[in-house]
Structure formats: C-alpha cells, structure tokens
Amino acid sequence: MSRARKLLTADDIQGCWAIIPTPARDGADQWSAVDTLDVEETRRIVNAMIDAGVDGILSLGTLGECGALTWAEKELFMRTLVEAAAGRIPIFGGTTALGTREAIAQTRAARDIGLDGTMVGPSMWNKPDVAAAVRFYQDLAEAVPDMAICVYANPFVFKFDFPPPFWAQVAEIPQVVCAKVASYATLLRDTKAARGRIRFMPMDSEYMGAVKLDPRGSVAFWSSSASCGPAPAVALRDLVAQARHSGDWSAVEELSDEMGRAVLPIVCYGDFNLFQTHNVTLEKGRMNVAGWLKAGPNRPPYHLAPPQILEFAKLGGEAWAALQEKYASK
C-alpha cells in the first residue's frame, strides 16, 4: 500500500542528489547467487547520506545494476530505501525495462512501495525514434499518474540523442519533473525546448558551468561520486549558493577542478567507449576503494574487467577519498 504523498514538481528538485549503488553481498558475482542484496548496508547508506545533507537519492540506474538484478532483489531494495528514508528526503527508484508494459508494472510497484519517483529511460531494445520515445513516457504517465518521473537521458545506453523535439513533447507531461543528463553542453537548447518545465540535472563536476549558463534554472545536480563520500558534493551545493550571493566563484572553481581531476580515471581519461564498456565495474570499484560504503562485488555479467580498468577504479577511488577527507574536515 502506498503512503499518501504529493506528486513532486520540478520546483521540488533542488540541490545535491546522490546516486547510490545496489549493495551486493559477498558471492554476488556468481551466476548461481540468490538474494544478493546487502540490506543492512543499504539502510546504512541511506541514513548516512541523509545525515551528510544530500537533498535526494537516485537509484537503480546503470551503476545500480538495474539490468543484473532479479525483480525480487529490486523490490526488496526499493522497500529498504523507503523504510530507511522514512520520508525525510525524496527517493527515486528506477524502472527501466525492455518494454513499456514491464516498465509500467515496475513503476506501479514502486509507487505502491512508497517511492517518490522513478528514474527511467526509454524502453530498450531497438533504437527509438522521437515518436516512440515520447509515447513511452506518455503511456507511463497515463498508467501511473501519481508517480514523478526523472528522464534517464543517457544517449549511450538508450541509443537515443534526446533532441529538442523530444523535450518539447515530454514537457507537456506533468509527471516528468526532471532529467539526469550527462553534460550541460545542450542545457540552454533543451531548457528552451522544454519551456523551463523540466529540471535538467548535470553531474557534480559540471554544475558550476550549468549554473553560469542558466543561473535561474540550474539548481540541482546528480553525483555518483557522492557514494565515494558525499562531503565534496554537499560542499559544492553550499559553495554555489554562497557564490550566487557574493559573486566570488573562486572556491567553487577550485572544488569543481578537484572533482574533475578525481573522476578522470573513471572516464578512462577521455576514452568514453572504454568507460561505457566497463561503467559498472569502474563505478562500484572506485566506491569500494574509497571505503565510504561497501558496494560489494559486481553481479554477472558485469563482473569481469581487465587489469587496466581495475587500476582506473583504484585511482578514482583514492582520489575521491582524499577529497572526502578534505571537505568532511571543513
């Protein structure tokens, strides 16, 4: 039974949104593993994120291993999120699926569990055109009218460029309140197409650029790095708020540069094809190295990686752990 809640709007999407993994128990890297969710670590992560000051949580995307979980594991994870958060901050699950009917079924379940929203990409298999991608979100919103939607705008995963005509049409859907985007490069173009009705959320290291480009609209960002330690991401939110009033962006520039350098190993120093091939391993690997949480092993088939990728994960985890120590002490 879903808890009573008001449908979120774009105005409710503010500040630092942490993206968290789906913690795995030891042995989860075996195909024969069952019940792989580390429930206690999931609870601990949610509470620690809230204590650290994040404004919201996104989950069950790529690094959340949405494609490697059984439905029973996904359902248990979402229930654990809701119970741990207890309404203190908004929590989005993830209900991306191969087809519309399955995405609707999972979104209905997420609503009944009590999540505030879902991060979901277009139905996966064939490359969608604009009409198919738009229709997917229209059907999802019609089927689950009381659930907020975050468009998972990852062009690599979904084989779709998310062009302005797409944003112009999905902006007509009240449930579509925000979008997780990879870059702020097309921010002004897409915000104009959406007529300001959708909150576009860039990653933490690009947030400063987005704010300077669109000061009024850019008030939220996502951070998978927060799962290596949330202090830098929370500090970024607060430093940007201070800079908006003072006009002094030097501290924001320093932190943004530090963040950019810390994630360089994770994006394979600019080799994005390599990054996309090993995204899950890179992200969960650096989280385990950083030590702020225990992401656990990767679930099949994302559990294999060459030594180079493991080294990149190690470097990235160590770099962010140093940032966490620096900004937590402040």
Protein backbone atom coordinates (compact mmCIF):
# COMPACT_ATOMS: atom_id res chain seq x y z
CA MET A 1 0.00 0.00 0.00
CA SER A 2 1.45 3.37 -1.00
CA ARG A 3 1.85 6.11 1.55
CA ALA A 4 -0.02 9.35 0.95
CA ARG A 5 2.19 11.88 -0.80
CA LYS A 6 2.00 14.90 -3.05
CA LEU A 7 3.29 14.50 -6.58
CA LEU A 8 6.68 16.18 -6.86
CA THR A 9 7.18 19.06 -9.27
CA ALA A 10 10.27 20.49 -10.94
CA ASP A 11 10.46 23.08 -8.14
CA ASP A 12 10.97 20.26 -5.65
CA ILE A 13 14.15 19.11 -7.41
CA GLN A 14 16.85 21.14 -5.69
CA GLY A 15 20.43 20.73 -4.51
CA CYS A 16 22.58 17.61 -4.36
CA TRP A 17 21.09 14.29 -5.47
CA ALA A 18 23.28 11.30 -4.66
CA ILE A 19 23.25 8.26 -6.91
CA ILE A 20 23.79 5.10 -4.91
CA PRO A 21 24.67 1.53 -5.86
CA THR A 22 22.63 -1.55 -5.04
CA PRO A 23 24.94 -3.05 -2.38
CA ALA A 24 25.80 -6.68 -3.03
CA ARG A 25 26.66 -9.41 -0.57
CA ASP A 26 29.82 -11.44 -0.91
CA GLY A 27 29.42 -14.06 -3.63
CA ALA A 28 27.06 -11.94 -5.72
CA ASP A 29 29.47 -12.22 -8.64
CA GLN A 30 28.43 -15.86 -9.17
CA TRP A 31 25.61 -16.69 -11.60
CA SER A 32 24.19 -19.09 -9.02
CA ALA A 33 23.86 -16.39 -6.34
CA VAL A 34 20.39 -15.62 -5.00
CA ASP A 35 19.20 -12.88 -2.67
CA THR A 36 22.31 -10.81 -3.33
CA LEU A 37 21.12 -7.55 -1.74
CA ASP A 38 23.02 -6.35 1.32
CA VAL A 39 20.00 -5.00 3.18
CA GLU A 40 21.83 -3.67 6.23
CA GLU A 41 24.36 -1.77 4.11
CA THR A 42 21.52 -0.28 2.07
CA ARG A 43 19.89 1.03 5.24
CA ARG A 44 23.20 2.39 6.49
CA ILE A 45 23.91 4.19 3.21
CA VAL A 46 20.52 5.91 3.12
CA ASN A 47 20.84 7.13 6.69
CA ALA A 48 24.44 8.24 6.17
CA MET A 49 23.51 10.16 3.02
CA ILE A 50 20.71 11.95 4.84
CA ASP A 51 22.99 12.72 7.79
CA ALA A 52 25.55 14.12 5.34
CA GLY A 53 22.96 16.55 4.00
CA VAL A 54 22.08 15.32 0.50
CA ASP A 55 18.76 16.58 -0.86
CA GLY A 56 17.60 13.44 -2.64
CA ILE A 57 18.64 9.98 -3.80
CA LEU A 58 18.54 8.41 -7.25
CA SER A 59 18.96 4.66 -7.67
CA LEU A 60 18.64 1.62 -9.91
CA GLY A 61 20.34 3.09 -12.95
CA THR A 62 23.48 1.77 -14.60
CA LEU A 63 25.73 1.64 -11.54
CA GLY A 64 22.72 0.39 -9.58
CA GLU A 65 22.93 -2.70 -11.81
CA CYS A 66 19.30 -2.42 -12.85
CA GLY A 67 19.96 -4.89 -15.67
CA ALA A 68 21.54 -7.51 -13.41
CA LEU A 69 19.01 -7.68 -10.58
CA THR A 70 16.11 -10.06 -10.23
CA TRP A 71 12.74 -8.44 -9.65
CA ALA A 72 12.68 -9.81 -6.09
CA GLU A 73 16.01 -8.08 -5.38
CA LYS A 74 14.87 -4.83 -6.94
CA GLU A 75 11.63 -4.86 -4.97
CA LEU A 76 13.42 -5.56 -1.68
CA PHE A 77 15.92 -2.79 -2.40
CA MET A 78 13.16 -0.25 -3.05
CA ARG A 79 11.32 -1.27 0.12
CA THR A 80 14.53 -0.87 2.10
CA LEU A 81 15.11 2.61 0.64
CA VAL A 82 11.64 3.77 1.62
CA GLU A 83 11.81 2.32 5.12
CA ALA A 84 15.24 3.80 5.79
CA ALA A 85 14.45 7.27 4.44
CA ALA A 86 11.10 7.44 6.25
CA GLY A 87 10.01 10.44 4.21
CA ARG A 88 12.95 12.65 5.20
CA ILE A 89 14.14 13.28 1.62
CA PRO A 90 12.72 12.28 -1.77
CA ILE A 91 13.85 8.90 -3.06
CA PHE A 92 13.69 7.82 -6.69
CA GLY A 93 13.91 4.18 -7.69
CA GLY A 94 14.48 3.00 -11.24
CA THR A 95 12.10 1.10 -13.51
CA THR A 96 13.82 0.92 -16.88
CA ALA A 97 12.77 -2.21 -18.76
CA LEU A 98 12.83 -3.71 -22.25
CA GLY A 99 9.19 -2.85 -22.93
CA THR A 100 6.50 -0.40 -21.89
CA ARG A 101 4.27 -2.92 -20.11
CA GLU A 102 7.08 -4.14 -17.85
CA ALA A 103 8.19 -0.57 -17.10
CA ILE A 104 4.61 0.27 -16.13
CA ALA A 105 4.31 -2.82 -13.91
CA GLN A 106 7.55 -1.98 -12.12
CA THR A 107 6.59 1.69 -11.74
CA ARG A 108 3.24 0.76 -10.24
CA ALA A 109 5.04 -1.48 -7.76
CA ALA A 110 7.50 1.31 -6.93
CA ARG A 111 4.59 3.68 -6.31
CA ASP A 112 2.85 1.18 -4.05
CA ILE A 113 6.08 0.62 -2.11
CA GLY A 114 6.18 4.37 -1.44
CA LEU A 115 8.95 5.79 -3.62
CA ASP A 116 8.60 9.44 -4.58
CA GLY A 117 9.60 8.92 -8.20
CA THR A 118 11.35 6.77 -10.74
CA MET A 119 14.41 7.33 -12.90
CA VAL A 120 13.58 5.61 -16.17
CA GLY A 121 14.93 5.56 -19.71
CA PRO A 122 13.02 4.75 -22.90
CA SER A 123 12.15 1.10 -23.40
CA MET A 124 15.27 -0.73 -24.52
CA TRP A 125 15.94 -2.97 -27.48
CA ASN A 126 15.57 -1.20 -30.80
CA LYS A 127 16.86 2.33 -31.20
CA PRO A 128 13.80 4.53 -30.64
CA ASP A 129 12.79 7.48 -32.75
CA VAL A 130 11.29 10.62 -31.19
CA ALA A 131 7.71 9.42 -31.57
CA ALA A 132 8.41 6.10 -29.83
CA ALA A 133 10.41 7.68 -27.00
CA VAL A 134 7.75 10.32 -26.36
CA ARG A 135 4.94 7.77 -26.49
CA PHE A 136 6.73 5.64 -23.91
CA TYR A 137 6.69 8.46 -21.34
CA GLN A 138 3.12 9.41 -22.23
CA ASP A 139 1.95 5.83 -21.68
CA LEU A 140 3.92 5.52 -18.43
CA ALA A 141 2.44 8.75 -17.05
CA GLU A 142 -1.08 7.74 -18.07
CA ALA A 143 -0.71 4.35 -16.41
CA VAL A 144 0.88 5.69 -13.21
CA PRO A 145 -0.37 9.28 -12.88
CA ASP A 146 0.70 9.67 -9.25
CA MET A 147 4.42 8.99 -9.74
CA ALA A 148 7.09 11.59 -10.55
CA ILE A 149 9.40 10.73 -13.45
CA CYS A 150 13.08 11.51 -13.93
CA VAL A 151 14.10 11.00 -17.56
CA TYR A 152 17.26 8.90 -17.60
CA ALA A 153 18.83 10.77 -20.53
CA ASN A 154 21.85 8.57 -21.26
CA PRO A 155 22.38 8.54 -25.04
CA PHE A 156 24.97 5.75 -24.87
CA VAL A 157 22.74 3.30 -23.03
CA PHE A 158 19.46 4.08 -24.77
CA LYS A 159 20.82 4.69 -28.30
CA PHE A 160 18.83 7.92 -28.42
CA ASP A 161 20.05 11.52 -28.64
CA PHE A 162 17.19 13.14 -26.66
CA PRO A 163 16.81 16.01 -29.16
CA PRO A 164 14.78 19.22 -28.62
CA PRO A 165 11.56 17.84 -30.21
CA PHE A 166 11.61 15.08 -27.58
CA TRP A 167 11.92 17.55 -24.71
CA ALA A 168 9.25 19.82 -26.19
CA GLN A 169 6.73 16.99 -26.10
CA VAL A 170 7.58 15.30 -22.79
CA ALA A 171 7.46 18.74 -21.14
CA GLU A 172 3.70 18.51 -21.64
CA ILE A 173 3.62 15.54 -19.25
CA PRO A 174 3.16 16.85 -15.67
CA GLN A 175 4.78 13.79 -14.12
CA VAL A 176 8.08 14.42 -15.92
CA VAL A 177 9.77 16.71 -13.42
CA CYS A 178 13.49 16.27 -14.04
CA ALA A 179 16.16 14.69 -16.19
CA LYS A 180 19.53 13.18 -15.38
CA VAL A 181 21.79 14.42 -18.17
CA ALA A 182 25.40 13.61 -18.92
CA SER A 183 26.51 17.15 -19.75
CA TYR A 184 25.36 20.74 -19.69
CA ALA A 185 26.51 21.28 -23.30
CA THR A 186 22.93 21.35 -24.63
CA LEU A 187 21.38 22.82 -21.49
CA LEU A 188 20.08 26.08 -22.93
CA ARG A 189 18.78 24.39 -26.07
CA ASP A 190 16.93 21.72 -24.15
CA THR A 191 15.63 24.05 -21.43
CA LYS A 192 14.20 26.29 -24.13
CA ALA A 193 12.56 23.32 -25.84
CA ALA A 194 11.05 22.20 -22.51
CA ARG A 195 9.94 25.77 -21.74
CA GLY A 196 11.51 25.55 -18.28
CA ARG A 197 9.13 22.81 -17.13
CA ILE A 198 11.80 20.13 -16.58
CA ARG A 199 14.69 20.38 -14.12
CA PHE A 200 17.83 19.33 -16.03
CA MET A 201 20.41 17.87 -13.64
CA PRO A 202 24.06 17.72 -14.75
CA MET A 203 26.79 15.82 -12.92
CA ASP A 204 28.53 17.47 -9.98
CA SER A 205 31.77 18.45 -11.74
CA GLU A 206 29.75 20.26 -14.45
CA TYR A 207 27.33 22.00 -12.10
CA MET A 208 29.27 25.27 -11.95
CA GLY A 209 29.21 25.56 -15.74
CA ALA A 210 25.49 24.86 -15.80
CA VAL A 211 24.78 27.49 -13.14
CA LYS A 212 26.75 30.14 -15.01
CA LEU A 213 24.95 29.24 -18.23
CA ASP A 214 21.46 29.14 -16.72
CA PRO A 215 21.52 30.72 -13.23
CA ARG A 216 17.78 30.53 -12.63
CA GLY A 217 17.14 27.03 -13.94
CA SER A 218 20.24 25.19 -12.74
CA VAL A 219 19.56 24.50 -9.08
CA ALA A 220 20.18 20.75 -8.86
CA PHE A 221 22.81 18.21 -9.84
CA TRP A 222 23.47 14.49 -9.51
CA SER A 223 26.54 12.87 -8.02
CA SER A 224 27.52 9.22 -8.29
CA SER A 225 30.79 10.32 -6.69
CA ALA A 226 28.81 11.03 -3.52
CA SER A 227 28.85 7.27 -2.99
CA CYS A 228 32.62 7.58 -2.59
CA GLY A 229 31.93 10.17 0.09
CA PRO A 230 29.22 12.88 -0.02
CA ALA A 231 31.10 15.76 1.64
CA PRO A 232 32.53 17.27 -1.60
CA ALA A 233 29.16 17.16 -3.37
CA VAL A 234 27.34 18.73 -0.41
CA ALA A 235 30.08 21.36 -0.19
CA LEU A 236 29.62 22.13 -3.88
CA ARG A 237 25.93 22.80 -3.34
CA ASP A 238 26.65 25.15 -0.46
CA LEU A 239 29.56 26.94 -2.12
CA VAL A 240 27.48 27.60 -5.23
CA ALA A 241 24.72 29.05 -3.06
CA GLN A 242 27.25 31.35 -1.41
CA ALA A 243 28.78 32.37 -4.74
CA ARG A 244 25.38 33.30 -6.16
CA HIS A 245 25.16 35.99 -3.48
CA SER A 246 28.78 37.08 -3.14
CA GLY A 247 29.84 36.86 -6.77
CA ASP A 248 33.08 35.17 -5.69
CA TRP A 249 33.32 31.84 -7.51
CA SER A 250 36.90 31.02 -6.60
CA ALA A 251 36.05 28.30 -4.05
CA VAL A 252 33.55 26.74 -6.46
CA GLU A 253 36.12 26.76 -9.25
CA GLU A 254 38.69 25.09 -7.00
CA LEU A 255 36.30 22.32 -5.95
CA SER A 256 34.99 21.79 -9.48
CA ASP A 257 38.54 21.41 -10.75
CA GLU A 258 39.31 18.94 -7.95
CA MET A 259 36.22 16.94 -8.83
CA GLY A 260 37.11 16.90 -12.50
CA ARG A 261 40.58 15.57 -11.79
CA ALA A 262 39.24 12.94 -9.39
CA VAL A 263 36.87 11.45 -11.97
CA LEU A 264 39.38 11.40 -14.83
CA PRO A 265 40.42 7.79 -14.15
CA ILE A 266 36.78 6.71 -14.03
CA VAL A 267 36.05 8.08 -17.50
CA CYS A 268 39.20 6.29 -18.67
CA TYR A 269 40.95 9.61 -19.28
CA GLY A 270 38.52 10.52 -22.05
CA ASP A 271 38.09 7.12 -23.70
CA PHE A 272 34.31 7.10 -23.35
CA ASN A 273 33.82 3.92 -25.35
CA LEU A 274 36.01 2.11 -22.83
CA PHE A 275 34.14 3.80 -19.99
CA GLN A 276 30.77 2.70 -21.35
CA THR A 277 32.02 -0.87 -21.72
CA HIS A 278 33.08 -1.09 -18.07
CA ASN A 279 30.92 1.57 -16.41
CA VAL A 280 29.53 -0.65 -13.64
CA THR A 281 32.93 -2.08 -12.74
CA LEU A 282 34.54 1.36 -12.70
CA GLU A 283 31.87 2.95 -10.53
CA LYS A 284 31.42 0.17 -7.99
CA GLY A 285 35.16 -0.47 -7.95
CA ARG A 286 36.03 3.10 -7.01
CA MET A 287 33.31 3.11 -4.35
CA ASN A 288 34.76 0.01 -2.73
CA VAL A 289 38.26 1.51 -2.85
CA ALA A 290 37.11 4.85 -1.42
CA GLY A 291 35.62 2.96 1.50
CA TRP A 292 32.76 5.27 2.44
CA LEU A 293 30.35 2.48 1.62
CA LYS A 294 30.55 -1.18 0.65
CA ALA A 295 29.17 -1.60 -2.85
CA GLY A 296 30.24 -5.23 -2.92
CA PRO A 297 31.05 -7.34 -5.98
CA ASN A 298 29.54 -6.81 -9.40
CA ARG A 299 26.70 -9.06 -10.44
CA PRO A 300 27.04 -11.07 -13.68
CA PRO A 301 27.55 -10.30 -16.49
CA TYR A 302 29.27 -7.12 -15.32
CA HIS A 303 31.79 -8.83 -13.04
CA LEU A 304 34.67 -9.21 -15.50
CA ALA A 305 37.18 -6.45 -16.23
CA PRO A 306 40.78 -6.21 -17.45
CA PRO A 307 43.53 -5.09 -15.03
CA GLN A 308 43.61 -1.62 -16.61
CA ILE A 309 40.00 -1.00 -15.58
CA LEU A 310 40.63 -2.18 -12.04
CA GLU A 311 43.58 0.21 -11.84
CA PHE A 312 41.42 3.11 -13.07
CA ALA A 313 38.84 2.26 -10.39
CA LYS A 314 41.56 2.19 -7.75
CA LEU A 315 42.94 5.59 -8.80
CA GLY A 316 39.49 7.13 -8.91
CA GLY A 317 38.52 5.78 -5.52
CA GLU A 318 41.70 7.00 -3.88
CA ALA A 319 41.34 10.45 -5.45
CA TRP A 320 37.78 10.91 -4.23
CA ALA A 321 38.59 9.53 -0.78
CA ALA A 322 41.16 12.32 -0.44
CA LEU A 323 38.52 14.89 -1.41
CA GLN A 324 36.08 13.39 1.09
CA GLU A 325 38.65 13.71 3.86
CA LYS A 326 39.42 17.29 2.90
CA TYR A 327 35.83 18.55 2.74
CA ALA A 328 34.48 16.46 5.62
CA SER A 329 37.06 18.16 7.84
CA LYS A 330 35.69 21.54 6.80
